[in-house]
Amino acid sequence: MEVTPNISGKKKISDNIKSSIFLSPALILLLIFFLTPMLLTIVFSFTNLALTGTQAQNLKFVGFDNFVQMFNDAELYNSIGKTLIFVLFSAIIGQCFLGFLIAFLMKGKNSTFRRAIGITVIAAWVTPEIVVGFSWVAFLGDNGTLNSIITALSGIEPIAFLFEYPMVSVVVANIWRGTAFSMMAFQAALDDIPLEVEEAAVMDGASRWRIVRNITIPIVKGTITTNLMLVTLQTLGVFTLIYAMTGGGPGNATMTLPIYMYQQAFVSYQLGYGTAISLVILIIGALFSLLYLRFLKVKI
C-alpha cells in the first residue's frame, strides 16, 4: 500500500520531464524571438543609442531623458492622435464591423456563394502590404482608375485623394486589406451557433435585430474580443501600407506612431528615442486589450 504513492510520484516527475523536453524548442524560440527583443527594446529606450555621430561610439545610460523628451515632443502627440484615428476607423469600425456584417450575411447561404465571396475578400488579405499600397496609389492617383471613372461619369476634374483626403485614403486601403481576417473569425463563430436556438427565437416572434442583439452577439462575444485585440494590435503596427501611400504626409497628416518611430530611429538616427516611442505603441496596445476585456466582460 505504501509503494503506490512513490510509483505515482515518480511517474508524475517523469511526465513533467517529458513535457519540458517537448516544450523546450517552443520556449527557446519564444525566448529568442519575443522576450529578448522586448527586453532589449526596454534597455535601449534608456540609452542614447544612435546609428551615426559621436553617440554611436559612446553608448551610455541616460535614464529617463528619452521619456522626458517625449513629453515635450508636440509631434509625438500628433502621431498618437493620428494613430488612434487610424485604429478607430480602420480596425474597430472598419474591419471588425464590416467583417462581422459580411460573415453574418453569408451565414446559411449556399457553399458556392460563400466560396466566391470568401475567395474575393481573402485575395486582398493575402496580397503583400507593399503591393496593396502601390495598388491603391494607382487607383487613387490623379490619373488613376477612380478619377477616370468620376471624370467620365460626371465631368468633374480629377481629385487628388492622397493629398486632400490622405487619412481617409489609408483607412479605406487598410479596411480593404484587413477585413478578410475578421470575416473568417466571425464566420467560424457564427457557424457554431445551433440553428435550433435561432429557430426557437423566430417561433417566439423575435425580430431579426433582436436575435442578433440578444442571441448572436452574446454567443460570439469571446470571438469579438479576440478579434478586436488581434486587429487592433495588427493595425497599431501598420507601417508599409501608409509609408507606400503617403510616407506619413502630406505634412504630418498620416504620421502614425510607426512612421514617426521609423523617422526618429532610421532617418534622424536616434535609435534610443525610437525604441522609447515603440514602448508607447506597446502601452497603447495593452490599454486597448484591457479596455476590450473590461467592456465586453470576457474572462481569461
Protein backbone atom coordinates (compact mmCIF):
# COMPACT_ATOMS: atom_id res chain seq x y z
CA MET A 1 0.00 0.00 0.00
CA GLU A 2 2.94 2.40 0.65
CA VAL A 3 4.59 1.69 -2.72
CA THR A 4 1.79 3.12 -4.86
CA PRO A 5 2.35 6.82 -3.99
CA ASN A 6 6.08 6.53 -4.76
CA ILE A 7 5.36 4.97 -8.13
CA SER A 8 2.76 7.64 -8.83
CA GLY A 9 5.18 10.38 -7.78
CA LYS A 10 7.98 9.04 -10.00
CA LYS A 11 5.59 8.78 -12.93
CA LYS A 12 4.50 12.37 -12.39
CA ILE A 13 8.11 13.58 -12.32
CA SER A 14 8.85 11.56 -15.45
CA ASP A 15 5.83 13.08 -17.23
CA ASN A 16 6.94 16.58 -16.22
CA ILE A 17 10.43 15.95 -17.60
CA LYS A 18 8.98 14.65 -20.88
CA SER A 19 6.66 17.65 -21.12
CA SER A 20 9.56 20.03 -20.53
CA ILE A 21 11.63 18.33 -23.23
CA PHE A 22 8.81 18.56 -25.77
CA LEU A 23 8.08 22.20 -24.88
CA SER A 24 11.72 23.29 -24.81
CA PRO A 25 12.01 24.12 -28.57
CA ALA A 26 8.96 26.39 -28.36
CA LEU A 27 10.23 28.02 -25.16
CA ILE A 28 13.68 28.61 -26.68
CA LEU A 29 12.14 30.19 -29.81
CA LEU A 30 9.88 32.33 -27.62
CA LEU A 31 12.89 33.46 -25.60
CA ILE A 32 14.99 34.30 -28.68
CA PHE A 33 12.41 35.96 -30.91
CA PHE A 34 9.97 37.51 -28.40
CA LEU A 35 11.33 38.07 -24.91
CA THR A 36 14.89 39.03 -25.90
CA PRO A 37 13.86 41.76 -28.41
CA MET A 38 11.33 43.10 -25.91
CA LEU A 39 13.93 43.29 -23.14
CA LEU A 40 16.47 44.90 -25.49
CA THR A 41 13.86 47.47 -26.53
CA ILE A 42 13.27 48.41 -22.90
CA VAL A 43 17.01 48.59 -22.20
CA PHE A 44 17.82 50.68 -25.32
CA SER A 45 14.99 53.11 -24.55
CA PHE A 46 17.06 54.24 -21.53
CA THR A 47 20.20 54.84 -23.62
CA ASN A 48 21.49 57.37 -26.17
CA LEU A 49 21.85 54.64 -28.81
CA ALA A 50 22.42 56.19 -32.27
CA LEU A 51 23.42 54.98 -35.72
CA THR A 52 25.90 57.75 -36.51
CA GLY A 53 27.82 60.53 -34.81
CA THR A 54 29.70 60.58 -31.54
CA GLN A 55 26.81 58.95 -29.67
CA ALA A 56 27.15 55.86 -31.86
CA GLN A 57 30.65 55.33 -30.40
CA ASN A 58 29.70 56.31 -26.87
CA LEU A 59 26.67 54.32 -25.79
CA LYS A 60 25.59 55.30 -22.30
CA PHE A 61 22.65 55.12 -19.94
CA VAL A 62 20.64 58.38 -19.99
CA GLY A 63 17.91 57.48 -17.51
CA PHE A 64 14.50 58.96 -18.36
CA ASP A 65 15.85 61.58 -20.82
CA ASN A 66 14.15 59.94 -23.81
CA PHE A 67 10.82 59.85 -21.99
CA VAL A 68 11.16 63.49 -20.84
CA GLN A 69 11.84 64.39 -24.48
CA MET A 70 8.68 62.54 -25.48
CA PHE A 71 6.53 64.51 -23.05
CA ASN A 72 7.81 67.75 -24.64
CA ASP A 73 7.52 66.48 -28.23
CA ALA A 74 4.44 68.01 -29.89
CA GLU A 75 4.98 65.86 -32.97
CA LEU A 76 4.65 62.74 -30.81
CA TYR A 77 1.24 63.86 -29.52
CA ASN A 78 0.16 64.48 -33.11
CA SER A 79 1.30 60.95 -34.04
CA ILE A 80 -0.60 59.43 -31.12
CA GLY A 81 -3.75 61.25 -32.24
CA LYS A 82 -3.32 60.12 -35.86
CA THR A 83 -2.68 56.55 -34.68
CA LEU A 84 -5.86 56.48 -32.58
CA ILE A 85 -7.90 57.83 -35.51
CA PHE A 86 -6.38 55.25 -37.85
CA VAL A 87 -7.05 52.36 -35.43
CA LEU A 88 -10.58 53.52 -34.57
CA PHE A 89 -11.81 53.86 -38.15
CA SER A 90 -9.81 51.20 -39.97
CA ALA A 91 -9.68 48.44 -37.33
CA ILE A 92 -12.55 48.80 -34.86
CA ILE A 93 -15.24 50.37 -37.05
CA GLY A 94 -13.99 49.23 -40.43
CA GLN A 95 -12.51 45.74 -40.28
CA CYS A 96 -14.42 44.35 -37.28
CA PHE A 97 -17.84 45.71 -38.21
CA LEU A 98 -17.52 45.01 -41.93
CA GLY A 99 -16.05 41.55 -41.27
CA PHE A 100 -18.97 40.70 -38.96
CA LEU A 101 -21.50 42.05 -41.46
CA ILE A 102 -20.08 40.01 -44.36
CA ALA A 103 -19.91 36.83 -42.22
CA PHE A 104 -23.47 37.40 -40.97
CA LEU A 105 -24.85 37.93 -44.47
CA MET A 106 -23.04 34.79 -45.69
CA LYS A 107 -24.44 32.62 -42.90
CA GLY A 108 -26.78 29.99 -44.27
CA LYS A 109 -26.02 30.78 -47.92
CA ASN A 110 -25.04 28.02 -50.33
CA SER A 111 -21.43 26.87 -50.47
CA THR A 112 -20.77 28.24 -53.98
CA PHE A 113 -21.81 31.76 -52.97
CA ARG A 114 -19.79 31.58 -49.74
CA ARG A 115 -16.73 30.29 -51.60
CA ALA A 116 -16.90 33.04 -54.25
CA ILE A 117 -17.26 35.85 -51.68
CA GLY A 118 -14.63 34.28 -49.41
CA ILE A 119 -12.02 33.98 -52.16
CA THR A 120 -12.67 37.56 -53.30
CA VAL A 121 -12.23 39.01 -49.80
CA ILE A 122 -9.29 36.79 -48.83
CA ALA A 123 -7.45 37.71 -52.05
CA ALA A 124 -6.91 41.18 -50.61
CA TRP A 125 -5.68 39.78 -47.30
CA VAL A 126 -3.01 37.52 -48.83
CA THR A 127 -1.68 40.32 -51.05
CA PRO A 128 1.60 41.74 -49.67
CA GLU A 129 1.18 45.07 -47.92
CA ILE A 130 3.56 46.89 -50.24
CA VAL A 131 1.63 45.66 -53.29
CA VAL A 132 -1.64 46.83 -51.71
CA GLY A 133 -0.07 50.24 -51.06
CA PHE A 134 1.07 50.76 -54.65
CA SER A 135 -2.23 49.39 -55.99
CA TRP A 136 -4.19 51.99 -54.01
CA VAL A 137 -1.79 54.74 -55.11
CA ALA A 138 -2.50 53.74 -58.71
CA PHE A 139 -6.25 53.58 -58.00
CA LEU A 140 -6.49 56.94 -56.20
CA GLY A 141 -3.88 58.87 -58.23
CA ASP A 142 -4.71 61.90 -60.39
CA ASN A 143 -4.71 59.70 -63.48
CA GLY A 144 -5.89 56.63 -61.59
CA THR A 145 -8.87 54.38 -62.13
CA LEU A 146 -11.19 56.15 -59.67
CA ASN A 147 -10.58 59.60 -61.14
CA SER A 148 -11.04 58.24 -64.67
CA ILE A 149 -14.45 56.84 -63.70
CA ILE A 150 -15.51 60.04 -61.89
CA THR A 151 -14.42 62.25 -64.79
CA ALA A 152 -16.11 60.02 -67.37
CA LEU A 153 -19.41 59.94 -65.46
CA SER A 154 -19.64 63.50 -64.14
CA GLY A 155 -17.02 65.60 -65.92
CA ILE A 156 -15.50 66.63 -62.56
CA GLU A 157 -11.80 67.44 -62.56
CA PRO A 158 -9.53 64.75 -61.08
CA ILE A 159 -9.38 64.80 -57.28
CA ALA A 160 -6.02 64.48 -55.51
CA PHE A 161 -7.30 61.97 -52.96
CA LEU A 162 -3.88 61.25 -51.44
CA PHE A 163 -3.26 64.97 -50.81
CA GLU A 164 -6.76 66.21 -49.98
CA TYR A 165 -8.00 63.13 -48.07
CA PRO A 166 -4.84 61.25 -47.03
CA MET A 167 -6.16 59.75 -43.77
CA VAL A 168 -9.38 58.61 -45.43
CA SER A 169 -7.33 57.02 -48.22
CA VAL A 170 -5.08 54.96 -45.92
CA VAL A 171 -8.04 53.99 -43.70
CA VAL A 172 -10.02 52.68 -46.68
CA ALA A 173 -6.98 50.81 -48.02
CA ASN A 174 -6.38 49.15 -44.65
CA ILE A 175 -10.05 48.18 -44.33
CA TRP A 176 -9.95 46.68 -47.83
CA ARG A 177 -6.93 44.59 -46.98
CA GLY A 178 -7.71 43.53 -43.42
CA THR A 179 -11.44 42.77 -43.42
CA ALA A 180 -10.88 39.16 -44.52
CA PHE A 181 -9.30 38.21 -41.17
CA SER A 182 -12.33 39.42 -39.21
CA MET A 183 -14.70 37.83 -41.69
CA MET A 184 -13.06 34.39 -41.29
CA ALA A 185 -13.04 34.65 -37.48
CA PHE A 186 -16.73 35.65 -37.31
CA GLN A 187 -17.72 33.12 -39.96
CA ALA A 188 -16.33 30.26 -37.86
CA ALA A 189 -18.05 31.58 -34.72
CA LEU A 190 -21.43 32.14 -36.40
CA ASP A 191 -21.39 28.68 -37.97
CA ASP A 192 -21.08 27.16 -34.47
CA ILE A 193 -24.36 28.73 -33.28
CA PRO A 194 -27.01 25.96 -33.23
CA LEU A 195 -29.81 26.63 -35.71
CA GLU A 196 -32.32 25.39 -33.13
CA VAL A 197 -31.60 28.39 -30.91
CA GLU A 198 -32.36 30.92 -33.66
CA GLU A 199 -35.37 28.96 -34.90
CA ALA A 200 -36.83 28.90 -31.39
CA ALA A 201 -36.41 32.67 -31.16
CA VAL A 202 -38.15 33.14 -34.53
CA MET A 203 -41.06 30.97 -33.38
CA ASP A 204 -41.34 33.18 -30.27
CA GLY A 205 -41.75 36.17 -32.56
CA ALA A 206 -38.30 37.73 -32.10
CA SER A 207 -37.23 40.16 -34.83
CA ARG A 208 -34.00 39.73 -36.79
CA TRP A 209 -32.32 42.58 -34.93
CA ARG A 210 -33.41 41.20 -31.53
CA ILE A 211 -31.96 37.78 -32.39
CA VAL A 212 -28.65 39.40 -33.30
CA ARG A 213 -28.58 41.57 -30.16
CA ASN A 214 -29.78 39.00 -27.59
CA ILE A 215 -28.53 35.70 -29.03
CA THR A 216 -25.86 36.06 -31.70
CA ILE A 217 -23.65 38.74 -30.15
CA PRO A 218 -23.62 37.22 -26.60
CA ILE A 219 -22.66 33.81 -28.01
CA VAL A 220 -19.81 35.16 -30.16
CA LYS A 221 -18.67 37.71 -27.54
CA GLY A 222 -15.41 35.85 -26.97
CA THR A 223 -14.64 35.89 -30.70
CA ILE A 224 -15.44 39.61 -30.87
CA THR A 225 -12.98 40.32 -28.06
CA THR A 226 -10.22 38.17 -29.54
CA ASN A 227 -10.75 39.66 -32.99
CA LEU A 228 -10.74 43.22 -31.64
CA MET A 229 -7.46 42.57 -29.83
CA LEU A 230 -5.72 40.98 -32.81
CA VAL A 231 -6.96 43.51 -35.36
CA THR A 232 -6.12 46.46 -33.10
CA LEU A 233 -2.59 45.22 -32.37
CA GLN A 234 -2.04 44.46 -36.05
CA THR A 235 -3.30 47.90 -37.10
CA LEU A 236 -1.17 49.67 -34.49
CA GLY A 237 1.89 48.27 -36.25
CA VAL A 238 0.87 49.06 -39.84
CA PHE A 239 3.85 50.75 -41.48
CA THR A 240 4.41 49.60 -45.05
CA LEU A 241 0.92 50.42 -46.33
CA ILE A 242 0.94 54.01 -45.02
CA TYR A 243 4.56 54.64 -45.95
CA ALA A 244 3.98 53.40 -49.52
CA MET A 245 0.85 55.51 -49.98
CA THR A 246 1.71 58.81 -48.28
CA GLY A 247 5.05 58.48 -46.48
CA GLY A 248 3.32 59.92 -43.41
CA GLY A 249 2.30 63.09 -45.26
CA PRO A 250 1.35 65.37 -46.72
CA GLY A 251 2.91 67.31 -43.86
CA ASN A 252 2.11 65.09 -40.90
CA ALA A 253 -1.45 64.21 -41.92
CA THR A 254 -0.84 60.44 -41.75
CA MET A 255 2.14 60.44 -39.38
CA THR A 256 1.15 57.47 -37.23
CA LEU A 257 3.45 56.21 -34.45
CA PRO A 258 5.21 53.51 -36.54
CA ILE A 259 6.05 56.10 -39.22
CA TYR A 260 7.26 58.62 -36.61
CA MET A 261 9.28 55.94 -34.83
CA TYR A 262 10.94 54.97 -38.11
CA GLN A 263 11.82 58.59 -38.89
CA GLN A 264 13.35 59.13 -35.46
CA ALA A 265 15.24 55.82 -35.43
CA PHE A 266 16.42 55.49 -39.05
CA VAL A 267 16.14 58.97 -40.60
CA SER A 268 17.32 61.01 -37.60
CA TYR A 269 19.44 58.02 -36.44
CA GLN A 270 18.23 58.32 -32.82
CA LEU A 271 17.65 54.65 -32.06
CA GLY A 272 17.32 55.23 -28.32
CA TYR A 273 14.49 57.72 -28.80
CA GLY A 274 12.92 55.48 -31.45
CA THR A 275 12.82 52.49 -29.08
CA ALA A 276 11.26 54.69 -26.40
CA ILE A 277 8.48 55.58 -28.89
CA SER A 278 7.99 51.87 -29.60
CA LEU A 279 7.15 51.40 -25.92
CA VAL A 280 4.33 53.91 -26.36
CA ILE A 281 2.89 51.66 -29.09
CA LEU A 282 3.20 48.69 -26.72
CA ILE A 283 1.40 50.58 -23.94
CA ILE A 284 -1.42 51.71 -26.26
CA GLY A 285 -1.90 48.10 -27.42
CA ALA A 286 -2.06 46.88 -23.81
CA LEU A 287 -4.57 49.60 -22.89
CA PHE A 288 -6.80 48.70 -25.83
CA SER A 289 -6.69 45.00 -24.80
CA LEU A 290 -7.62 45.79 -21.19
CA LEU A 291 -10.43 48.06 -22.40
CA TYR A 292 -11.89 45.31 -24.58
CA LEU A 293 -11.74 42.75 -21.75
CA ARG A 294 -13.43 45.13 -19.33
CA PHE A 295 -16.02 46.48 -21.75
CA LEU A 296 -17.07 43.07 -23.11
CA LYS A 297 -16.67 41.38 -19.68
CA VAL A 298 -14.75 38.40 -21.03
CA LYS A 299 -12.81 36.25 -18.56
CA ILE A 300 -9.37 34.93 -19.47
